[in-house]
Amino acid sequence: MKNKNFWLAAHVFVILVLAMGASALAKAPESRHFNGLINDYSPATIGGKVVGPWEIRGHWSLKLKDESRLADFSAVVNMELSDGAIVEGVAQVDVPASRTAHTHHITMTDATVSPDTSVCPPFTPAATPAIGPGYVISGPVSVTSNGSAAGFEAKGPSTLRACVTGGPEVQFSNITLEFMGQAPTHFGTQAIHGVVRKATSERHDDSHR
């Protein structure tokens, strides 16, 4: 009788352990990863002065963590004066150095995440369907220029709002970057546009950390 009760208790214990493990796995925090490209132009006039337009090209990545409450964002971009800058008299034909090519590394760490895409710039052209559900990532931003702190950073802090959105056919298709603070003195106040190349999600177990 005692042996029967022992094995019954052992079976119940094993079932409970398995159930607890399955429950923990089901509740494991999920992280989402996005990456893509940035392709856009700045306005010709920034801060009341004709300085462009600049071509802005690069790659970006985003990791949503802590059940999508916080996020890490990074982008690497090249900027150089476009052909439009020649028309504006800012750059010269057949003078590569006049294009003023340079690089930027743009990073946000533990930025806040919001589902309120109503703050995001509308899609263009106007016939495009309205913005669907997505993620809005915002917070203090660090920007380098050719590997050093960007010149405008000495004048004060900047913030960045990144919107990852899409439509009924592709849930996550677009990204826009909007700088605030000192950064717009270089990038302008308009939204910088890009595309979502890949979106993935994974569950992970932090219990061993």
N, C-alpha and C. Protein backbone atom coordinates (compact mmCIF):
# COMPACT_ATOMS: atom_id res chain seq x y z
N MET A 1 0.84 -1.20 0.00
CA MET A 1 0.00 0.00 0.00
C MET A 1 0.87 1.25 0.00
N LYS A 2 1.93 1.19 0.83
CA LYS A 2 2.83 2.34 0.89
C LYS A 2 3.52 2.56 -0.45
N ASN A 3 3.93 1.42 -1.10
CA ASN A 3 4.58 1.56 -2.40
C ASN A 3 3.64 2.17 -3.43
N LYS A 4 2.36 1.77 -3.37
CA LYS A 4 1.38 2.30 -4.30
C LYS A 4 1.21 3.80 -4.10
N ASN A 5 1.11 4.21 -2.83
CA ASN A 5 0.95 5.64 -2.55
C ASN A 5 2.20 6.42 -2.98
N PHE A 6 3.38 5.79 -2.79
CA PHE A 6 4.62 6.47 -3.18
C PHE A 6 4.66 6.73 -4.68
N TRP A 7 4.34 5.68 -5.46
CA TRP A 7 4.39 5.84 -6.91
C TRP A 7 3.30 6.79 -7.40
N LEU A 8 2.15 6.81 -6.73
CA LEU A 8 1.09 7.74 -7.11
C LEU A 8 1.56 9.18 -6.87
N ALA A 9 2.19 9.39 -5.70
CA ALA A 9 2.70 10.73 -5.39
C ALA A 9 3.79 11.14 -6.38
N ALA A 10 4.64 10.18 -6.75
CA ALA A 10 5.72 10.48 -7.70
C ALA A 10 5.15 10.87 -9.05
N HIS A 11 4.11 10.16 -9.50
CA HIS A 11 3.49 10.48 -10.78
C HIS A 11 2.86 11.87 -10.74
N VAL A 12 2.19 12.19 -9.66
CA VAL A 12 1.57 13.52 -9.53
C VAL A 12 2.65 14.60 -9.57
N PHE A 13 3.77 14.35 -8.88
CA PHE A 13 4.87 15.33 -8.85
C PHE A 13 5.42 15.57 -10.25
N VAL A 14 5.63 14.49 -11.01
CA VAL A 14 6.15 14.62 -12.37
C VAL A 14 5.18 15.42 -13.24
N ILE A 15 3.91 15.14 -13.10
CA ILE A 15 2.89 15.86 -13.89
C ILE A 15 2.90 17.34 -13.56
N LEU A 16 3.03 17.65 -12.27
CA LEU A 16 3.05 19.06 -11.86
C LEU A 16 4.29 19.77 -12.41
N VAL A 17 5.43 19.09 -12.35
CA VAL A 17 6.66 19.69 -12.88
C VAL A 17 6.53 19.96 -14.36
N LEU A 18 6.00 18.98 -15.10
CA LEU A 18 5.82 19.16 -16.54
C LEU A 18 4.85 20.29 -16.84
N ALA A 19 3.78 20.38 -16.05
CA ALA A 19 2.79 21.43 -16.26
C ALA A 19 3.39 22.80 -15.98
N MET A 20 4.20 22.89 -14.90
CA MET A 20 4.83 24.16 -14.58
C MET A 20 5.82 24.56 -15.66
N GLY A 21 6.56 23.61 -16.21
CA GLY A 21 7.51 23.91 -17.28
C GLY A 21 6.82 24.39 -18.53
N ALA A 22 5.70 23.75 -18.87
CA ALA A 22 4.94 24.17 -20.05
C ALA A 22 4.37 25.56 -19.86
N SER A 23 3.89 25.82 -18.63
CA SER A 23 3.34 27.16 -18.34
C SER A 23 4.41 28.22 -18.44
N ALA A 24 5.60 27.93 -17.91
CA ALA A 24 6.70 28.90 -17.96
C ALA A 24 7.12 29.16 -19.39
N LEU A 25 7.13 28.09 -20.22
CA LEU A 25 7.49 28.25 -21.61
C LEU A 25 6.48 29.11 -22.34
N ALA A 26 5.19 28.88 -22.04
CA ALA A 26 4.13 29.64 -22.69
C ALA A 26 4.21 31.11 -22.33
N LYS A 27 4.69 31.41 -21.12
CA LYS A 27 4.74 32.79 -20.65
C LYS A 27 6.12 33.42 -20.85
N ALA A 28 7.03 32.71 -21.51
CA ALA A 28 8.37 33.26 -21.72
C ALA A 28 8.26 34.55 -22.50
N PRO A 29 9.02 35.55 -22.12
CA PRO A 29 8.93 36.83 -22.81
C PRO A 29 9.30 36.71 -24.28
N GLU A 30 8.61 37.48 -25.11
CA GLU A 30 8.83 37.46 -26.54
C GLU A 30 9.57 38.72 -26.97
N SER A 31 10.55 38.59 -27.82
CA SER A 31 11.23 39.73 -28.40
C SER A 31 10.98 39.73 -29.90
N ARG A 32 10.88 40.93 -30.47
CA ARG A 32 10.66 41.06 -31.90
C ARG A 32 11.83 41.81 -32.51
N HIS A 33 12.24 41.38 -33.67
CA HIS A 33 13.38 41.98 -34.36
C HIS A 33 12.93 42.47 -35.74
N PHE A 34 13.37 43.65 -36.09
CA PHE A 34 13.08 44.23 -37.39
C PHE A 34 14.38 44.76 -37.99
N ASN A 35 14.47 44.74 -39.31
CA ASN A 35 15.56 45.45 -39.97
C ASN A 35 15.12 45.88 -41.35
N GLY A 36 15.86 46.82 -41.92
CA GLY A 36 15.47 47.31 -43.23
C GLY A 36 16.42 48.37 -43.74
N LEU A 37 15.95 49.13 -44.72
CA LEU A 37 16.74 50.12 -45.42
C LEU A 37 16.15 51.51 -45.24
N ILE A 38 17.00 52.53 -45.31
CA ILE A 38 16.59 53.93 -45.33
C ILE A 38 17.01 54.51 -46.67
N ASN A 39 16.06 55.14 -47.37
CA ASN A 39 16.33 55.76 -48.66
C ASN A 39 15.49 57.03 -48.77
N ASP A 40 16.12 58.19 -48.71
CA ASP A 40 15.34 59.42 -48.74
C ASP A 40 16.25 60.61 -49.06
N TYR A 41 15.63 61.78 -49.13
CA TYR A 41 16.33 63.04 -49.34
C TYR A 41 15.88 64.03 -48.28
N SER A 42 16.78 64.90 -47.88
CA SER A 42 16.40 65.99 -46.98
C SER A 42 15.85 67.14 -47.82
N PRO A 43 15.20 68.11 -47.19
CA PRO A 43 14.81 69.32 -47.93
C PRO A 43 16.07 70.09 -48.35
N ALA A 44 15.91 70.94 -49.35
CA ALA A 44 17.04 71.78 -49.76
C ALA A 44 17.35 72.82 -48.69
N THR A 45 16.31 73.32 -48.04
CA THR A 45 16.47 74.37 -47.04
C THR A 45 16.27 73.79 -45.65
N ILE A 46 17.25 73.94 -44.79
CA ILE A 46 17.18 73.49 -43.41
C ILE A 46 17.59 74.65 -42.51
N GLY A 47 16.72 74.98 -41.57
CA GLY A 47 17.02 76.08 -40.66
C GLY A 47 17.11 77.42 -41.36
N GLY A 48 16.33 77.59 -42.45
CA GLY A 48 16.32 78.85 -43.16
C GLY A 48 17.49 79.06 -44.10
N LYS A 49 18.32 78.03 -44.29
CA LYS A 49 19.51 78.14 -45.13
C LYS A 49 19.52 77.01 -46.15
N VAL A 50 19.87 77.33 -47.40
CA VAL A 50 19.96 76.31 -48.44
C VAL A 50 21.24 75.50 -48.22
N VAL A 51 21.08 74.23 -47.88
CA VAL A 51 22.24 73.37 -47.58
C VAL A 51 22.16 72.03 -48.30
N GLY A 52 21.15 71.81 -49.11
CA GLY A 52 20.96 70.50 -49.72
C GLY A 52 20.29 70.60 -51.08
N PRO A 53 19.54 69.54 -51.41
CA PRO A 53 19.14 68.37 -50.61
C PRO A 53 20.29 67.36 -50.42
N TRP A 54 20.20 66.64 -49.27
CA TRP A 54 21.11 65.55 -48.97
C TRP A 54 20.45 64.23 -49.37
N GLU A 55 21.23 63.32 -49.93
CA GLU A 55 20.80 61.94 -50.06
C GLU A 55 21.07 61.25 -48.73
N ILE A 56 20.12 60.42 -48.27
CA ILE A 56 20.27 59.69 -47.02
C ILE A 56 20.01 58.21 -47.31
N ARG A 57 21.03 57.39 -47.19
CA ARG A 57 20.93 55.97 -47.52
C ARG A 57 21.56 55.14 -46.41
N GLY A 58 20.93 54.04 -46.03
CA GLY A 58 21.55 53.19 -45.03
C GLY A 58 20.68 52.02 -44.59
N HIS A 59 21.10 51.41 -43.49
CA HIS A 59 20.42 50.25 -42.91
C HIS A 59 20.01 50.57 -41.47
N TRP A 60 18.94 49.93 -41.01
CA TRP A 60 18.50 50.12 -39.63
C TRP A 60 18.08 48.77 -39.05
N SER A 61 18.08 48.71 -37.71
CA SER A 61 17.60 47.50 -37.01
C SER A 61 16.90 47.91 -35.72
N LEU A 62 15.99 47.08 -35.30
CA LEU A 62 15.17 47.37 -34.11
C LEU A 62 14.91 46.08 -33.35
N LYS A 63 15.07 46.13 -32.03
CA LYS A 63 14.73 45.00 -31.17
C LYS A 63 13.75 45.47 -30.11
N LEU A 64 12.55 44.89 -30.13
CA LEU A 64 11.56 45.14 -29.08
C LEU A 64 11.77 44.10 -27.99
N LYS A 65 11.84 44.54 -26.74
CA LYS A 65 12.12 43.61 -25.65
C LYS A 65 11.20 43.89 -24.47
N ASP A 66 11.36 43.07 -23.40
CA ASP A 66 10.53 43.23 -22.20
C ASP A 66 9.05 43.32 -22.55
N GLU A 67 8.60 42.33 -23.35
CA GLU A 67 7.21 42.28 -23.79
C GLU A 67 6.81 43.56 -24.51
N SER A 68 7.73 44.06 -25.33
CA SER A 68 7.51 45.21 -26.20
C SER A 68 7.27 46.52 -25.44
N ARG A 69 7.80 46.61 -24.22
CA ARG A 69 7.69 47.88 -23.49
C ARG A 69 8.90 48.77 -23.76
N LEU A 70 10.05 48.17 -24.09
CA LEU A 70 11.27 48.91 -24.35
C LEU A 70 11.88 48.40 -25.66
N ALA A 71 12.75 49.22 -26.26
CA ALA A 71 13.34 48.83 -27.54
C ALA A 71 14.72 49.43 -27.70
N ASP A 72 15.56 48.74 -28.46
CA ASP A 72 16.85 49.25 -28.89
C ASP A 72 16.79 49.46 -30.40
N PHE A 73 17.21 50.64 -30.83
CA PHE A 73 17.18 50.99 -32.26
C PHE A 73 18.56 51.45 -32.69
N SER A 74 18.95 51.08 -33.90
CA SER A 74 20.20 51.59 -34.45
C SER A 74 20.06 51.73 -35.96
N ALA A 75 20.80 52.68 -36.50
CA ALA A 75 20.84 52.89 -37.94
C ALA A 75 22.24 53.34 -38.33
N VAL A 76 22.67 52.94 -39.50
CA VAL A 76 23.94 53.41 -40.08
C VAL A 76 23.60 53.98 -41.45
N VAL A 77 23.95 55.25 -41.67
CA VAL A 77 23.57 55.89 -42.92
C VAL A 77 24.75 56.66 -43.52
N ASN A 78 24.73 56.74 -44.84
CA ASN A 78 25.62 57.64 -45.58
C ASN A 78 24.80 58.86 -45.99
N MET A 79 25.41 60.02 -45.94
CA MET A 79 24.78 61.23 -46.46
C MET A 79 25.75 61.92 -47.41
N GLU A 80 25.21 62.39 -48.53
CA GLU A 80 26.00 63.21 -49.44
C GLU A 80 25.05 64.11 -50.22
N LEU A 81 25.57 65.23 -50.68
CA LEU A 81 24.73 66.18 -51.41
C LEU A 81 24.29 65.57 -52.73
N SER A 82 23.01 65.72 -53.05
CA SER A 82 22.42 65.12 -54.24
C SER A 82 22.65 66.01 -55.47
N ASP A 83 22.16 65.52 -56.62
CA ASP A 83 22.22 66.34 -57.83
C ASP A 83 21.41 67.61 -57.66
N GLY A 84 20.36 67.54 -56.84
CA GLY A 84 19.57 68.73 -56.59
C GLY A 84 20.38 69.84 -55.94
N ALA A 85 21.41 69.45 -55.18
CA ALA A 85 22.27 70.45 -54.53
C ALA A 85 23.11 71.20 -55.56
N ILE A 86 23.36 70.56 -56.71
CA ILE A 86 24.07 71.26 -57.79
C ILE A 86 23.17 72.35 -58.36
N VAL A 87 21.90 72.00 -58.54
CA VAL A 87 20.94 72.99 -59.03
C VAL A 87 20.84 74.15 -58.06
N GLU A 88 20.90 73.83 -56.76
CA GLU A 88 20.80 74.87 -55.73
C GLU A 88 22.10 75.66 -55.58
N GLY A 89 23.17 75.21 -56.23
CA GLY A 89 24.45 75.90 -56.13
C GLY A 89 25.26 75.54 -54.90
N VAL A 90 24.88 74.46 -54.22
CA VAL A 90 25.59 74.04 -53.02
C VAL A 90 26.74 73.09 -53.36
N ALA A 91 26.56 72.26 -54.39
CA ALA A 91 27.60 71.35 -54.85
C ALA A 91 27.97 71.69 -56.28
N GLN A 92 29.10 71.14 -56.74
CA GLN A 92 29.60 71.43 -58.08
C GLN A 92 29.63 70.18 -58.94
N VAL A 93 29.35 70.36 -60.22
CA VAL A 93 29.40 69.24 -61.16
C VAL A 93 30.83 68.73 -61.27
N ASP A 94 30.98 67.40 -61.27
CA ASP A 94 32.28 66.74 -61.44
C ASP A 94 33.31 67.12 -60.39
N VAL A 95 32.85 67.51 -59.20
CA VAL A 95 33.76 67.78 -58.08
C VAL A 95 33.27 66.91 -56.91
N PRO A 96 33.71 65.64 -56.85
CA PRO A 96 33.21 64.72 -55.83
C PRO A 96 33.31 65.26 -54.41
N ALA A 97 34.40 65.97 -54.10
CA ALA A 97 34.57 66.46 -52.73
C ALA A 97 33.48 67.44 -52.34
N SER A 98 32.88 68.11 -53.33
CA SER A 98 31.83 69.08 -53.02
C SER A 98 30.54 68.40 -52.58
N ARG A 99 30.47 67.08 -52.75
CA ARG A 99 29.27 66.35 -52.30
C ARG A 99 29.28 66.15 -50.78
N THR A 100 30.42 66.36 -50.14
CA THR A 100 30.54 66.30 -48.68
C THR A 100 29.98 65.00 -48.11
N ALA A 101 30.42 63.88 -48.66
CA ALA A 101 29.95 62.57 -48.17
C ALA A 101 30.44 62.34 -46.75
N HIS A 102 29.54 61.82 -45.90
CA HIS A 102 29.90 61.51 -44.51
C HIS A 102 28.97 60.44 -43.98
N THR A 103 29.27 59.92 -42.78
CA THR A 103 28.50 58.82 -42.19
C THR A 103 27.91 59.21 -40.85
N HIS A 104 26.83 58.52 -40.49
CA HIS A 104 26.21 58.69 -39.17
C HIS A 104 25.86 57.33 -38.59
N HIS A 105 26.13 57.15 -37.30
CA HIS A 105 25.60 56.03 -36.52
C HIS A 105 24.57 56.61 -35.56
N ILE A 106 23.37 56.08 -35.62
CA ILE A 106 22.23 56.61 -34.87
C ILE A 106 21.74 55.51 -33.93
N THR A 107 21.68 55.79 -32.62
CA THR A 107 21.29 54.74 -31.67
C THR A 107 20.34 55.26 -30.60
N MET A 108 19.41 54.41 -30.22
CA MET A 108 18.55 54.60 -29.05
C MET A 108 18.59 53.31 -28.24
N THR A 109 18.77 53.43 -26.94
CA THR A 109 18.80 52.27 -26.05
C THR A 109 17.69 52.39 -25.01
N ASP A 110 16.94 51.31 -24.81
CA ASP A 110 15.81 51.30 -23.87
C ASP A 110 14.84 52.44 -24.16
N ALA A 111 14.54 52.63 -25.42
CA ALA A 111 13.54 53.62 -25.83
C ALA A 111 12.15 53.10 -25.50
N THR A 112 11.20 54.00 -25.35
CA THR A 112 9.83 53.61 -25.03
C THR A 112 9.10 53.17 -26.29
N VAL A 113 8.13 52.27 -26.11
CA VAL A 113 7.35 51.73 -27.22
C VAL A 113 5.88 52.03 -26.99
N SER A 114 5.21 52.50 -28.03
CA SER A 114 3.78 52.82 -27.96
C SER A 114 3.09 52.27 -29.20
N PRO A 115 1.81 51.85 -29.07
CA PRO A 115 1.06 51.39 -30.24
C PRO A 115 0.29 52.52 -30.94
N ASP A 116 0.44 53.76 -30.44
CA ASP A 116 -0.35 54.88 -30.96
C ASP A 116 0.25 55.43 -32.24
N THR A 117 -0.13 54.84 -33.39
CA THR A 117 0.42 55.27 -34.67
C THR A 117 -0.23 56.54 -35.20
N SER A 118 -1.16 57.12 -34.45
CA SER A 118 -1.80 58.36 -34.90
C SER A 118 -0.79 59.51 -34.93
N VAL A 119 0.33 59.37 -34.20
CA VAL A 119 1.35 60.42 -34.19
C VAL A 119 2.31 60.29 -35.37
N CYS A 120 2.18 59.23 -36.17
CA CYS A 120 3.10 58.99 -37.27
C CYS A 120 2.67 59.76 -38.51
N PRO A 121 3.63 60.16 -39.36
CA PRO A 121 3.27 60.88 -40.59
C PRO A 121 2.46 59.98 -41.51
N PRO A 122 1.52 60.55 -42.26
CA PRO A 122 0.67 59.73 -43.15
C PRO A 122 1.46 59.15 -44.31
N PHE A 123 0.94 58.06 -44.86
CA PHE A 123 1.54 57.48 -46.04
C PHE A 123 1.35 58.40 -47.25
N THR A 124 2.26 58.34 -48.19
CA THR A 124 2.10 59.01 -49.48
C THR A 124 2.37 57.97 -50.57
N PRO A 125 1.66 58.04 -51.71
CA PRO A 125 0.66 59.04 -52.08
C PRO A 125 -0.61 58.96 -51.25
N ALA A 126 -1.44 59.98 -51.38
CA ALA A 126 -2.63 60.09 -50.54
C ALA A 126 -3.58 58.92 -50.73
N ALA A 127 -3.53 58.27 -51.89
CA ALA A 127 -4.44 57.15 -52.15
C ALA A 127 -4.06 55.91 -51.36
N THR A 128 -2.87 55.89 -50.78
CA THR A 128 -2.43 54.73 -50.00
C THR A 128 -3.36 54.54 -48.80
N PRO A 129 -3.72 53.29 -48.44
CA PRO A 129 -4.58 53.07 -47.27
C PRO A 129 -3.99 53.67 -46.00
N ALA A 130 -4.85 53.93 -45.06
CA ALA A 130 -4.41 54.51 -43.79
C ALA A 130 -3.42 53.60 -43.08
N ILE A 131 -2.60 54.20 -42.24
CA ILE A 131 -1.63 53.43 -41.46
C ILE A 131 -2.34 52.44 -40.55
N GLY A 132 -1.85 51.21 -40.51
CA GLY A 132 -2.43 50.19 -39.66
C GLY A 132 -1.71 50.10 -38.32
N PRO A 133 -1.98 49.05 -37.55
CA PRO A 133 -1.29 48.86 -36.27
C PRO A 133 0.22 48.76 -36.47
N GLY A 134 0.95 49.22 -35.47
CA GLY A 134 2.41 49.17 -35.56
C GLY A 134 3.05 49.56 -34.25
N TYR A 135 4.28 49.99 -34.32
CA TYR A 135 5.04 50.37 -33.13
C TYR A 135 5.62 51.77 -33.31
N VAL A 136 5.57 52.56 -32.24
CA VAL A 136 6.18 53.88 -32.22
C VAL A 136 7.26 53.85 -31.14
N ILE A 137 8.49 54.06 -31.54
CA ILE A 137 9.64 53.99 -30.62
C ILE A 137 10.21 55.39 -30.48
N SER A 138 10.35 55.86 -29.25
CA SER A 138 10.84 57.23 -29.05
C SER A 138 11.71 57.31 -27.81
N GLY A 139 12.66 58.26 -27.86
CA GLY A 139 13.54 58.46 -26.73
C GLY A 139 14.76 59.27 -27.11
N PRO A 140 15.66 59.50 -26.15
CA PRO A 140 16.91 60.21 -26.44
C PRO A 140 17.71 59.44 -27.48
N VAL A 141 18.38 60.18 -28.36
CA VAL A 141 19.13 59.54 -29.43
C VAL A 141 20.57 60.05 -29.45
N SER A 142 21.48 59.14 -29.78
CA SER A 142 22.89 59.48 -29.94
C SER A 142 23.24 59.42 -31.42
N VAL A 143 23.92 60.45 -31.93
CA VAL A 143 24.26 60.51 -33.35
C VAL A 143 25.75 60.83 -33.49
N THR A 144 26.45 60.00 -34.26
CA THR A 144 27.85 60.29 -34.56
C THR A 144 27.97 60.87 -35.96
N SER A 145 29.11 61.47 -36.24
CA SER A 145 29.43 61.95 -37.59
C SER A 145 30.86 61.52 -37.89
N ASN A 146 31.00 60.60 -38.86
CA ASN A 146 32.31 60.05 -39.20
C ASN A 146 33.04 59.48 -37.98
N GLY A 147 32.27 58.88 -37.07
CA GLY A 147 32.86 58.22 -35.92
C GLY A 147 33.03 59.08 -34.68
N SER A 148 32.80 60.38 -34.79
CA SER A 148 32.86 61.28 -33.63
C SER A 148 31.47 61.80 -33.33
N ALA A 149 31.30 62.41 -32.16
CA ALA A 149 30.00 62.98 -31.82
C ALA A 149 29.62 64.03 -32.85
N ALA A 150 28.38 63.99 -33.32
CA ALA A 150 27.92 64.98 -34.29
C ALA A 150 28.03 66.38 -33.69
N GLY A 151 28.36 67.35 -34.52
CA GLY A 151 28.59 68.70 -34.03
C GLY A 151 27.42 69.29 -33.28
N PHE A 152 26.19 68.95 -33.70
CA PHE A 152 25.02 69.53 -33.04
C PHE A 152 24.81 68.97 -31.64
N GLU A 153 25.43 67.82 -31.31
CA GLU A 153 25.23 67.24 -29.99
C GLU A 153 25.81 68.14 -28.89
N ALA A 154 26.83 68.94 -29.21
CA ALA A 154 27.40 69.84 -28.20
C ALA A 154 26.44 70.98 -27.85
N LYS A 155 25.44 71.20 -28.69
CA LYS A 155 24.50 72.30 -28.46
C LYS A 155 23.29 71.88 -27.62
N GLY A 156 23.13 70.58 -27.41
CA GLY A 156 22.00 70.11 -26.61
C GLY A 156 21.54 68.74 -27.05
N PRO A 157 20.64 68.12 -26.29
CA PRO A 157 20.18 66.77 -26.60
C PRO A 157 19.20 66.72 -27.77
N SER A 158 19.05 65.54 -28.31
CA SER A 158 18.08 65.29 -29.38
C SER A 158 17.27 64.05 -29.04
N THR A 159 16.09 63.96 -29.61
CA THR A 159 15.25 62.78 -29.47
C THR A 159 14.85 62.30 -30.86
N LEU A 160 14.42 61.06 -30.92
CA LEU A 160 14.02 60.45 -32.19
C LEU A 160 12.72 59.69 -32.00
N ARG A 161 11.83 59.83 -32.98
CA ARG A 161 10.61 59.01 -33.00
C ARG A 161 10.63 58.17 -34.27
N ALA A 162 10.63 56.86 -34.10
CA ALA A 162 10.64 55.92 -35.22
C ALA A 162 9.31 55.18 -35.26
N CYS A 163 8.65 55.21 -36.41
CA CYS A 163 7.37 54.52 -36.58
C CYS A 163 7.55 53.33 -37.51
N VAL A 164 7.23 52.14 -37.03
CA VAL A 164 7.25 50.94 -37.85
C VAL A 164 5.81 50.54 -38.09
N THR A 165 5.35 50.68 -39.32
CA THR A 165 3.93 50.51 -39.64
C THR A 165 3.77 49.75 -40.95
N GLY A 166 2.52 49.55 -41.34
CA GLY A 166 2.24 48.86 -42.59
C GLY A 166 0.78 48.92 -42.93
N GLY A 167 0.32 47.96 -43.71
CA GLY A 167 -1.06 47.93 -44.17
C GLY A 167 -1.61 46.53 -44.18
N PRO A 168 -2.77 46.36 -44.83
CA PRO A 168 -3.45 45.06 -44.80
C PRO A 168 -2.69 43.94 -45.52
N GLU A 169 -1.87 44.26 -46.52
CA GLU A 169 -1.14 43.24 -47.25
C GLU A 169 0.20 42.89 -46.59
N VAL A 170 0.90 43.90 -46.09
CA VAL A 170 2.17 43.71 -45.38
C VAL A 170 2.07 44.44 -44.06
N GLN A 171 1.97 43.69 -42.97
CA GLN A 171 1.72 44.30 -41.66
C GLN A 171 2.78 45.31 -41.28
N PHE A 172 4.04 44.98 -41.52
CA PHE A 172 5.15 45.90 -41.23
C PHE A 172 5.92 46.13 -42.53
N SER A 173 5.70 47.29 -43.13
CA SER A 173 6.31 47.58 -44.44
C SER A 173 7.13 48.86 -44.43
N ASN A 174 6.80 49.82 -43.57
CA ASN A 174 7.41 51.15 -43.62
C ASN A 174 8.04 51.55 -42.30
N ILE A 175 9.07 52.41 -42.39
CA ILE A 175 9.60 53.06 -41.19
C ILE A 175 9.79 54.54 -41.51
N THR A 176 9.52 55.39 -40.52
CA THR A 176 9.82 56.81 -40.63
C THR A 176 10.61 57.23 -39.41
N LEU A 177 11.56 58.13 -39.61
CA LEU A 177 12.37 58.67 -38.53
C LEU A 177 12.12 60.17 -38.46
N GLU A 178 11.78 60.66 -37.27
CA GLU A 178 11.57 62.09 -37.06
C GLU A 178 12.44 62.55 -35.89
N PHE A 179 13.38 63.43 -36.19
CA PHE A 179 14.27 63.96 -35.17
C PHE A 179 13.67 65.22 -34.53
N MET A 180 13.97 65.39 -33.24
CA MET A 180 13.58 66.59 -32.51
C MET A 180 14.77 67.04 -31.66
N GLY A 181 14.75 68.29 -31.23
CA GLY A 181 15.88 68.81 -30.47
C GLY A 181 16.88 69.46 -31.41
N GLN A 182 18.16 69.13 -31.26
CA GLN A 182 19.22 69.73 -32.08
C GLN A 182 19.44 69.03 -33.41
N ALA A 183 19.13 67.74 -33.50
CA ALA A 183 19.41 66.97 -34.71
C ALA A 183 18.76 67.54 -35.97
N PRO A 184 17.55 68.13 -35.91
CA PRO A 184 16.95 68.68 -37.12
C PRO A 184 17.76 69.80 -37.78
N THR A 185 18.71 70.41 -37.06
CA THR A 185 19.55 71.43 -37.69
C THR A 185 20.44 70.82 -38.77
N HIS A 186 20.57 69.49 -38.76
CA HIS A 186 21.33 68.80 -39.81
C HIS A 186 20.43 67.96 -40.70
N PHE A 187 19.50 67.20 -40.11
CA PHE A 187 18.65 66.30 -40.88
C PHE A 187 17.38 66.96 -41.40
N GLY A 188 16.98 68.08 -40.80
CA GLY A 188 15.71 68.68 -41.12
C GLY A 188 14.61 68.15 -40.23
N THR A 189 13.44 68.79 -40.29
CA THR A 189 12.32 68.40 -39.42
C THR A 189 11.38 67.41 -40.09
N GLN A 190 11.58 67.13 -41.38
CA GLN A 190 10.69 66.22 -42.08
C GLN A 190 10.97 64.78 -41.68
N ALA A 191 10.02 63.91 -41.96
CA ALA A 191 10.21 62.48 -41.71
C ALA A 191 11.16 61.89 -42.74
N ILE A 192 12.07 61.04 -42.29
CA ILE A 192 12.98 60.32 -43.17
C ILE A 192 12.40 58.91 -43.37
N HIS A 193 12.26 58.49 -44.61
CA HIS A 193 11.52 57.27 -44.92
C HIS A 193 12.42 56.09 -45.23
N GLY A 194 11.89 54.90 -44.95
CA GLY A 194 12.59 53.67 -45.25
C GLY A 194 11.62 52.50 -45.36
N VAL A 195 12.18 51.32 -45.56
CA VAL A 195 11.38 50.12 -45.76
C VAL A 195 11.77 49.06 -44.73
N VAL A 196 10.78 48.27 -44.32
CA VAL A 196 11.03 47.11 -43.45
C VAL A 196 11.40 45.94 -44.35
N ARG A 197 12.57 45.40 -44.14
CA ARG A 197 13.03 44.26 -44.94
C ARG A 197 12.63 42.94 -44.31
N LYS A 198 12.72 42.86 -42.97
CA LYS A 198 12.45 41.59 -42.29
C LYS A 198 11.90 41.85 -40.89
N ALA A 199 10.92 41.05 -40.49
CA ALA A 199 10.35 41.12 -39.14
C ALA A 199 10.26 39.70 -38.60
N THR A 200 10.86 39.46 -37.43
CA THR A 200 10.84 38.14 -36.82
C THR A 200 10.52 38.28 -35.34
N SER A 201 10.11 37.18 -34.73
CA SER A 201 9.84 37.17 -33.30
C SER A 201 10.37 35.88 -32.71
N GLU A 202 10.72 35.93 -31.41
CA GLU A 202 11.23 34.73 -30.74
C GLU A 202 10.93 34.84 -29.25
N ARG A 203 10.73 33.68 -28.64
CA ARG A 203 10.57 33.62 -27.19
C ARG A 203 11.88 33.17 -26.59
N HIS A 204 12.23 33.72 -25.43
CA HIS A 204 13.49 33.37 -24.81
C HIS A 204 13.32 33.21 -23.31
N ASP A 205 14.15 32.37 -22.74
CA ASP A 205 14.10 32.08 -21.31
C ASP A 205 15.26 32.79 -20.62
N ASP A 206 14.94 33.75 -19.74
CA ASP A 206 15.93 34.51 -19.02
C ASP A 206 16.25 33.92 -17.65
N SER A 207 15.71 32.74 -17.33
CA SER A 207 15.85 32.21 -15.98
C SER A 207 17.30 31.87 -15.63
N HIS A 208 18.14 31.62 -16.69
CA HIS A 208 19.53 31.23 -16.42
C HIS A 208 20.43 32.43 -16.27
N ARG A 209 19.90 33.62 -16.48
CA ARG A 209 20.75 34.80 -16.42
C ARG A 209 20.88 35.33 -15.01
